[in-house]
Amino acid sequence: MVDLSIGISMNLSQERVTISSPVTIPSGVVEQEHYHEKVNEFIFFLTKGISRVNGKDYDMHPYDILILDTKERHQIIAKDADVKVLVIKKGIIDKVNC
């Protein structure tokens, strides 16, 4: 399991925003599919990787940003190499595993 909750938090316009430290998902690891009830999530890719959103795979490249609305099922797949990302969450932090 990959913990994406490390980092800093701040309030912007009365909304909680959390920014993770850089997170590395080791090669060969598939993150647990999950969604958030109350969080918008922005995943900034520092390296190549695969993101699965609502069952569809997307090839991600360095500097790509994945923008997720609440209740969108998602996971990161580190198929052939480590994947490094920054995760920015806006709202009340929650996570529901699928």
C-alpha atoms as a PDB file:
ATOM      1  CA  MET A   1       0.000   0.000   0.000  1.00  0.00           C
ATOM      2  CA  VAL A   2       1.260   3.465  -0.852  1.00  0.00           C
ATOM      3  CA  ASP A   3       0.630   6.260   1.638  1.00  0.00           C
ATOM      4  CA  LEU A   4      -0.063   9.537  -0.137  1.00  0.00           C
ATOM      5  CA  SER A   5      -0.940  11.510   2.998  1.00  0.00           C
ATOM      6  CA  ILE A   6       2.485  12.931   3.907  1.00  0.00           C
ATOM      7  CA  GLY A   7       3.133  16.624   3.298  1.00  0.00           C
ATOM      8  CA  ILE A   8       1.799  20.018   4.212  1.00  0.00           C
ATOM      9  CA  SER A   9      -1.683  21.421   4.658  1.00  0.00           C
ATOM     10  CA  MET A  10      -2.994  24.950   4.290  1.00  0.00           C
ATOM     11  CA  ASN A  11      -6.319  26.722   4.103  1.00  0.00           C
ATOM     12  CA  LEU A  12      -7.087  28.583   0.875  1.00  0.00           C
ATOM     13  CA  SER A  13     -10.451  30.322   0.583  1.00  0.00           C
ATOM     14  CA  GLN A  14     -11.779  28.301   3.521  1.00  0.00           C
ATOM     15  CA  GLU A  15     -10.886  25.023   1.734  1.00  0.00           C
ATOM     16  CA  ARG A  16      -8.271  22.642   3.092  1.00  0.00           C
ATOM     17  CA  VAL A  17      -5.476  21.919   0.602  1.00  0.00           C
ATOM     18  CA  THR A  18      -2.934  19.160   1.260  1.00  0.00           C
ATOM     19  CA  ILE A  19       0.241  18.780  -0.798  1.00  0.00           C
ATOM     20  CA  SER A  20       2.207  15.545  -0.454  1.00  0.00           C
ATOM     21  CA  SER A  21       5.927  15.153  -0.355  1.00  0.00           C
ATOM     22  CA  PRO A  22       7.146  13.415  -3.529  1.00  0.00           C
ATOM     23  CA  VAL A  23       5.746   9.873  -3.468  1.00  0.00           C
ATOM     24  CA  THR A  24       7.463   6.925  -5.169  1.00  0.00           C
ATOM     25  CA  ILE A  25       5.433   3.915  -6.235  1.00  0.00           C
ATOM     26  CA  PRO A  26       7.922   1.068  -6.757  1.00  0.00           C
ATOM     27  CA  SER A  27       8.165  -0.722 -10.079  1.00  0.00           C
ATOM     28  CA  GLY A  28       5.685  -3.592 -10.316  1.00  0.00           C
ATOM     29  CA  VAL A  29       3.250  -2.084  -7.777  1.00  0.00           C
ATOM     30  CA  VAL A  30      -0.403  -1.381  -8.539  1.00  0.00           C
ATOM     31  CA  GLU A  31      -1.974   1.068  -6.093  1.00  0.00           C
ATOM     32  CA  GLN A  32      -5.248  -0.042  -4.485  1.00  0.00           C
ATOM     33  CA  GLU A  33      -8.161   1.280  -6.543  1.00  0.00           C
ATOM     34  CA  HIS A  34     -10.040   3.864  -4.496  1.00  0.00           C
ATOM     35  CA  TYR A  35     -12.089   7.058  -4.609  1.00  0.00           C
ATOM     36  CA  HIS A  36     -12.792  10.035  -2.387  1.00  0.00           C
ATOM     37  CA  GLU A  37     -16.231  11.149  -1.234  1.00  0.00           C
ATOM     38  CA  LYS A  38     -15.264  14.745  -0.385  1.00  0.00           C
ATOM     39  CA  VAL A  39     -11.891  15.404  -2.032  1.00  0.00           C
ATOM     40  CA  ASN A  40     -10.833  16.760  -5.399  1.00  0.00           C
ATOM     41  CA  GLU A  41      -7.405  15.345  -6.171  1.00  0.00           C
ATOM     42  CA  PHE A  42      -4.687  16.617  -8.492  1.00  0.00           C
ATOM     43  CA  ILE A  43      -1.828  14.208  -9.218  1.00  0.00           C
ATOM     44  CA  PHE A  44       1.286  15.787 -10.722  1.00  0.00           C
ATOM     45  CA  PHE A  45       3.484  13.188 -12.430  1.00  0.00           C
ATOM     46  CA  LEU A  46       7.242  13.641 -12.025  1.00  0.00           C
ATOM     47  CA  THR A  47       7.974  10.511 -14.108  1.00  0.00           C
ATOM     48  CA  LYS A  48       6.146   8.309 -16.610  1.00  0.00           C
ATOM     49  CA  GLY A  49       3.389   6.101 -15.254  1.00  0.00           C
ATOM     50  CA  ILE A  50      -0.050   4.679 -15.881  1.00  0.00           C
ATOM     51  CA  SER A  51      -3.167   6.039 -14.248  1.00  0.00           C
ATOM     52  CA  ARG A  52      -6.395   4.070 -14.273  1.00  0.00           C
ATOM     53  CA  VAL A  53      -9.534   6.215 -13.885  1.00  0.00           C
ATOM     54  CA  ASN A  54     -12.975   4.624 -13.843  1.00  0.00           C
ATOM     55  CA  GLY A  55     -11.522   1.509 -15.485  1.00  0.00           C
ATOM     56  CA  LYS A  56      -9.693   3.283 -18.339  1.00  0.00           C
ATOM     57  CA  ASP A  57      -5.878   3.420 -18.522  1.00  0.00           C
ATOM     58  CA  TYR A  58      -3.991   6.620 -19.382  1.00  0.00           C
ATOM     59  CA  ASP A  59      -0.279   6.912 -20.144  1.00  0.00           C
ATOM     60  CA  MET A  60       1.088   9.748 -18.039  1.00  0.00           C
ATOM     61  CA  HIS A  61       4.306  11.640 -18.726  1.00  0.00           C
ATOM     62  CA  PRO A  62       6.479  13.972 -16.635  1.00  0.00           C
ATOM     63  CA  TYR A  63       4.611  17.228 -15.883  1.00  0.00           C
ATOM     64  CA  ASP A  64       1.189  15.743 -16.702  1.00  0.00           C
ATOM     65  CA  ILE A  65      -1.514  16.556 -14.157  1.00  0.00           C
ATOM     66  CA  LEU A  66      -4.384  14.175 -13.500  1.00  0.00           C
ATOM     67  CA  ILE A  67      -7.436  16.051 -12.184  1.00  0.00           C
ATOM     68  CA  LEU A  68      -9.927  13.892 -10.307  1.00  0.00           C
ATOM     69  CA  ASP A  69     -13.383  14.877  -9.160  1.00  0.00           C
ATOM     70  CA  THR A  70     -15.025  13.326  -6.118  1.00  0.00           C
ATOM     71  CA  LYS A  71     -16.103   9.681  -6.480  1.00  0.00           C
ATOM     72  CA  GLU A  72     -13.871   8.975  -9.493  1.00  0.00           C
ATOM     73  CA  ARG A  73     -12.294   5.542  -9.001  1.00  0.00           C
ATOM     74  CA  HIS A  74      -8.564   5.694  -9.603  1.00  0.00           C
ATOM     75  CA  GLN A  75      -5.199   4.048  -9.089  1.00  0.00           C
ATOM     76  CA  ILE A  76      -1.601   4.473 -10.203  1.00  0.00           C
ATOM     77  CA  ILE A  77       0.240   1.608 -11.883  1.00  0.00           C
ATOM     78  CA  ALA A  78       4.050   1.395 -11.839  1.00  0.00           C
ATOM     79  CA  LYS A  79       4.373  -1.253 -14.522  1.00  0.00           C
ATOM     80  CA  ASP A  80       8.030  -1.234 -15.621  1.00  0.00           C
ATOM     81  CA  ALA A  81       9.670   1.499 -13.534  1.00  0.00           C
ATOM     82  CA  ASP A  82       9.206   3.516 -10.345  1.00  0.00           C
ATOM     83  CA  VAL A  83       6.557   6.230 -10.633  1.00  0.00           C
ATOM     84  CA  LYS A  84       7.046   9.527  -8.779  1.00  0.00           C
ATOM     85  CA  VAL A  85       4.155  11.913  -8.150  1.00  0.00           C
ATOM     86  CA  LEU A  86       3.042  14.851  -6.053  1.00  0.00           C
ATOM     87  CA  VAL A  87      -0.535  14.647  -4.795  1.00  0.00           C
ATOM     88  CA  ILE A  88      -2.601  17.752  -4.094  1.00  0.00           C
ATOM     89  CA  LYS A  89      -5.954  17.259  -2.373  1.00  0.00           C
ATOM     90  CA  LYS A  90      -8.644  19.903  -1.892  1.00  0.00           C
ATOM     91  CA  GLY A  91     -11.340  19.214   0.670  1.00  0.00           C
ATOM     92  CA  ILE A  92     -11.845  16.955   3.665  1.00  0.00           C
ATOM     93  CA  ILE A  93      -9.361  14.084   3.426  1.00  0.00           C
ATOM     94  CA  ASP A  94     -11.067  10.738   2.921  1.00  0.00           C
ATOM     95  CA  LYS A  95     -10.363   7.535   1.039  1.00  0.00           C
ATOM     96  CA  VAL A  96     -12.687   4.662   0.155  1.00  0.00           C
ATOM     97  CA  ASN A  97     -11.010   1.471  -1.106  1.00  0.00           C
ATOM     98  CA  CYS A  98     -12.850  -0.410  -3.841  1.00  0.00           C
END
